[in-house]
Amino acid sequence: MSPSIWQILIILVIVLLLFGPSKIPGLGKSLGEAIRGFKKGISEDPEIDVTDSAKREQIADNEKAGSGQKTKAKETNKS
């Protein structure tokens, strides 16, 4: 069941009373930007990670090794 014209007018009057005539254009603009951003997010293709699992493991191992070297360097500087 769709709202009648009177129900829509009552809602518009309440919105006008709550926000005032100066804020209505800003609300419309921000609502339009939000809808545009939502549509853009839906229409974009998600990025697909094509890196194979072996390469990901190697990268993770390199990162772990790098953080371990920093820790050892800090320990030797304390001595």
N, C-alpha and C. Protein backbone atom coordinates (compact mmCIF):
# COMPACT_ATOMS: atom_id res chain seq x y z
N MET A 1 0.85 -1.17 0.00
CA MET A 1 0.00 0.00 0.00
C MET A 1 0.89 1.24 0.00
N SER A 2 0.74 2.08 -0.98
CA SER A 2 1.57 3.28 -1.09
C SER A 2 0.95 4.42 -0.28
N PRO A 3 1.81 5.32 0.21
CA PRO A 3 1.29 6.45 1.00
C PRO A 3 0.51 7.42 0.11
N SER A 4 -0.52 8.00 0.67
CA SER A 4 -1.32 8.97 -0.09
C SER A 4 -0.61 10.31 -0.12
N ILE A 5 -1.12 11.22 -0.91
CA ILE A 5 -0.51 12.55 -1.05
C ILE A 5 -0.55 13.30 0.28
N TRP A 6 -1.61 13.09 1.08
CA TRP A 6 -1.72 13.78 2.36
C TRP A 6 -0.67 13.28 3.35
N GLN A 7 -0.40 12.00 3.33
CA GLN A 7 0.63 11.46 4.22
C GLN A 7 2.00 12.00 3.85
N ILE A 8 2.28 12.10 2.56
CA ILE A 8 3.56 12.65 2.11
C ILE A 8 3.69 14.11 2.50
N LEU A 9 2.60 14.89 2.34
CA LEU A 9 2.63 16.30 2.72
C LEU A 9 2.86 16.47 4.22
N ILE A 10 2.23 15.65 5.03
CA ILE A 10 2.43 15.74 6.48
C ILE A 10 3.88 15.44 6.84
N ILE A 11 4.47 14.44 6.21
CA ILE A 11 5.87 14.11 6.47
C ILE A 11 6.78 15.26 6.06
N LEU A 12 6.51 15.86 4.90
CA LEU A 12 7.32 16.99 4.44
C LEU A 12 7.21 18.19 5.38
N VAL A 13 6.02 18.46 5.90
CA VAL A 13 5.85 19.57 6.84
C VAL A 13 6.62 19.29 8.13
N ILE A 14 6.58 18.07 8.61
CA ILE A 14 7.32 17.71 9.83
C ILE A 14 8.82 17.87 9.61
N VAL A 15 9.31 17.42 8.47
CA VAL A 15 10.74 17.56 8.15
C VAL A 15 11.11 19.04 8.08
N LEU A 16 10.26 19.84 7.47
CA LEU A 16 10.51 21.28 7.36
C LEU A 16 10.56 21.92 8.74
N LEU A 17 9.66 21.52 9.63
CA LEU A 17 9.65 22.08 10.98
C LEU A 17 10.87 21.64 11.79
N LEU A 18 11.30 20.39 11.61
CA LEU A 18 12.44 19.89 12.37
C LEU A 18 13.76 20.50 11.93
N PHE A 19 13.99 20.58 10.64
CA PHE A 19 15.30 20.99 10.13
C PHE A 19 15.35 22.44 9.67
N GLY A 20 14.23 23.03 9.35
CA GLY A 20 14.22 24.41 8.88
C GLY A 20 14.50 24.48 7.40
N PRO A 21 14.08 25.58 6.78
CA PRO A 21 14.23 25.71 5.32
C PRO A 21 15.68 25.83 4.85
N SER A 22 16.57 26.28 5.71
CA SER A 22 17.96 26.47 5.27
C SER A 22 18.74 25.16 5.21
N LYS A 23 18.33 24.16 5.98
CA LYS A 23 19.08 22.89 6.01
C LYS A 23 18.57 21.86 5.02
N ILE A 24 17.39 22.05 4.47
CA ILE A 24 16.80 21.06 3.56
C ILE A 24 17.68 20.83 2.32
N PRO A 25 18.20 21.87 1.65
CA PRO A 25 19.05 21.60 0.47
C PRO A 25 20.31 20.81 0.83
N GLY A 26 20.91 21.10 1.97
CA GLY A 26 22.09 20.35 2.40
C GLY A 26 21.78 18.89 2.67
N LEU A 27 20.62 18.64 3.27
CA LEU A 27 20.21 17.26 3.51
C LEU A 27 19.99 16.51 2.20
N GLY A 28 19.36 17.19 1.24
CA GLY A 28 19.13 16.57 -0.06
C GLY A 28 20.44 16.26 -0.77
N LYS A 29 21.39 17.19 -0.67
CA LYS A 29 22.69 16.99 -1.31
C LYS A 29 23.43 15.81 -0.69
N SER A 30 23.46 15.75 0.63
CA SER A 30 24.17 14.65 1.28
C SER A 30 23.48 13.31 1.04
N LEU A 31 22.16 13.32 0.96
CA LEU A 31 21.44 12.08 0.64
C LEU A 31 21.76 11.63 -0.78
N GLY A 32 21.81 12.57 -1.72
CA GLY A 32 22.16 12.23 -3.10
C GLY A 32 23.57 11.67 -3.22
N GLU A 33 24.52 12.28 -2.50
CA GLU A 33 25.90 11.78 -2.52
C GLU A 33 26.00 10.38 -1.92
N ALA A 34 25.23 10.14 -0.87
CA ALA A 34 25.25 8.82 -0.25
C ALA A 34 24.70 7.76 -1.20
N ILE A 35 23.62 8.09 -1.89
CA ILE A 35 23.03 7.15 -2.84
C ILE A 35 24.00 6.89 -3.99
N ARG A 36 24.64 7.96 -4.49
CA ARG A 36 25.62 7.80 -5.58
C ARG A 36 26.78 6.92 -5.16
N GLY A 37 27.30 7.14 -3.96
CA GLY A 37 28.40 6.33 -3.46
C GLY A 37 28.01 4.87 -3.29
N PHE A 38 26.78 4.65 -2.83
CA PHE A 38 26.30 3.28 -2.67
C PHE A 38 26.19 2.58 -4.01
N LYS A 39 25.63 3.26 -5.00
CA LYS A 39 25.50 2.67 -6.34
C LYS A 39 26.87 2.40 -6.95
N LYS A 40 27.82 3.32 -6.74
CA LYS A 40 29.16 3.13 -7.27
C LYS A 40 29.83 1.93 -6.62
N GLY A 41 29.65 1.78 -5.33
CA GLY A 41 30.23 0.64 -4.62
C GLY A 41 29.66 -0.68 -5.08
N ILE A 42 28.40 -0.70 -5.42
CA ILE A 42 27.77 -1.93 -5.89
C ILE A 42 28.22 -2.27 -7.30
N SER A 43 28.36 -1.25 -8.15
CA SER A 43 28.67 -1.51 -9.55
C SER A 43 30.14 -1.85 -9.79
N GLU A 44 31.04 -1.48 -8.88
CA GLU A 44 32.46 -1.78 -9.07
C GLU A 44 32.73 -3.26 -8.87
N ASP A 45 33.63 -3.79 -9.67
CA ASP A 45 34.03 -5.19 -9.53
C ASP A 45 34.97 -5.31 -8.33
N PRO A 46 34.79 -6.32 -7.52
CA PRO A 46 35.70 -6.49 -6.39
C PRO A 46 37.09 -6.90 -6.89
N GLU A 47 38.10 -6.44 -6.17
CA GLU A 47 39.46 -6.81 -6.55
C GLU A 47 39.70 -8.27 -6.20
N ILE A 48 40.31 -8.99 -7.12
CA ILE A 48 40.57 -10.41 -6.92
C ILE A 48 42.06 -10.58 -6.68
N ASP A 49 42.40 -11.28 -5.60
CA ASP A 49 43.79 -11.55 -5.27
C ASP A 49 44.25 -12.75 -6.09
N VAL A 50 45.16 -12.49 -7.04
CA VAL A 50 45.62 -13.57 -7.91
C VAL A 50 46.95 -14.14 -7.44
N THR A 51 47.45 -13.69 -6.30
CA THR A 51 48.70 -14.20 -5.76
C THR A 51 48.49 -15.64 -5.30
N ASP A 52 49.37 -16.52 -5.71
CA ASP A 52 49.22 -17.91 -5.29
C ASP A 52 49.60 -18.06 -3.82
N SER A 53 49.16 -19.15 -3.23
CA SER A 53 49.34 -19.34 -1.79
C SER A 53 50.81 -19.46 -1.41
N ALA A 54 51.64 -20.05 -2.27
CA ALA A 54 53.06 -20.19 -1.94
C ALA A 54 53.73 -18.82 -1.83
N LYS A 55 53.37 -17.92 -2.74
CA LYS A 55 53.97 -16.59 -2.70
C LYS A 55 53.49 -15.82 -1.47
N ARG A 56 52.21 -15.98 -1.10
CA ARG A 56 51.70 -15.32 0.10
C ARG A 56 52.42 -15.82 1.34
N GLU A 57 52.68 -17.12 1.41
CA GLU A 57 53.42 -17.67 2.55
C GLU A 57 54.83 -17.12 2.61
N GLN A 58 55.46 -16.98 1.45
CA GLN A 58 56.82 -16.45 1.39
C GLN A 58 56.84 -15.00 1.87
N ILE A 59 55.85 -14.22 1.45
CA ILE A 59 55.78 -12.82 1.88
C ILE A 59 55.57 -12.75 3.39
N ALA A 60 54.70 -13.60 3.92
CA ALA A 60 54.45 -13.62 5.36
C ALA A 60 55.71 -14.00 6.13
N ASP A 61 56.45 -15.00 5.61
CA ASP A 61 57.69 -15.41 6.26
C ASP A 61 58.72 -14.28 6.25
N ASN A 62 58.81 -13.56 5.13
CA ASN A 62 59.75 -12.44 5.04
C ASN A 62 59.38 -11.35 6.04
N GLU A 63 58.09 -11.09 6.20
CA GLU A 63 57.67 -10.07 7.15
C GLU A 63 57.99 -10.49 8.58
N LYS A 64 57.78 -11.77 8.89
CA LYS A 64 58.10 -12.27 10.22
C LYS A 64 59.60 -12.19 10.48
N ALA A 65 60.39 -12.54 9.49
CA ALA A 65 61.85 -12.50 9.64
C ALA A 65 62.31 -11.06 9.82
N GLY A 66 61.72 -10.14 9.12
CA GLY A 66 62.09 -8.73 9.25
C GLY A 66 61.77 -8.19 10.62
N SER A 67 60.63 -8.55 11.18
CA SER A 67 60.28 -8.07 12.51
C SER A 67 61.16 -8.71 13.57
N GLY A 68 61.60 -9.94 13.36
CA GLY A 68 62.50 -10.61 14.29
C GLY A 68 63.86 -9.95 14.32
N GLN A 69 64.35 -9.48 13.19
CA GLN A 69 65.64 -8.82 13.13
C GLN A 69 65.60 -7.50 13.87
N LYS A 70 64.50 -6.79 13.79
CA LYS A 70 64.38 -5.52 14.50
C LYS A 70 64.41 -5.76 16.01
N THR A 71 63.76 -6.82 16.45
CA THR A 71 63.74 -7.13 17.88
C THR A 71 65.14 -7.48 18.36
N LYS A 72 65.88 -8.28 17.61
CA LYS A 72 67.24 -8.65 17.99
C LYS A 72 68.14 -7.42 18.03
N ALA A 73 67.96 -6.51 17.09
CA ALA A 73 68.78 -5.31 17.06
C ALA A 73 68.53 -4.46 18.30
N LYS A 74 67.28 -4.37 18.75
CA LYS A 74 66.96 -3.60 19.94
C LYS A 74 67.60 -4.23 21.17
N GLU A 75 67.59 -5.57 21.23
CA GLU A 75 68.17 -6.26 22.38
C GLU A 75 69.68 -6.05 22.45
N THR A 76 70.38 -6.04 21.31
CA THR A 76 71.83 -5.85 21.32
C THR A 76 72.17 -4.40 21.66
N ASN A 77 71.32 -3.46 21.32
CA ASN A 77 71.57 -2.06 21.65
C ASN A 77 71.42 -1.80 23.14
N LYS A 78 70.58 -2.59 23.82
CA LYS A 78 70.38 -2.42 25.26
C LYS A 78 71.59 -2.88 26.05
N SER A 79 72.37 -3.83 25.54
CA SER A 79 73.50 -4.39 26.28
C SER A 79 74.64 -3.43 26.40
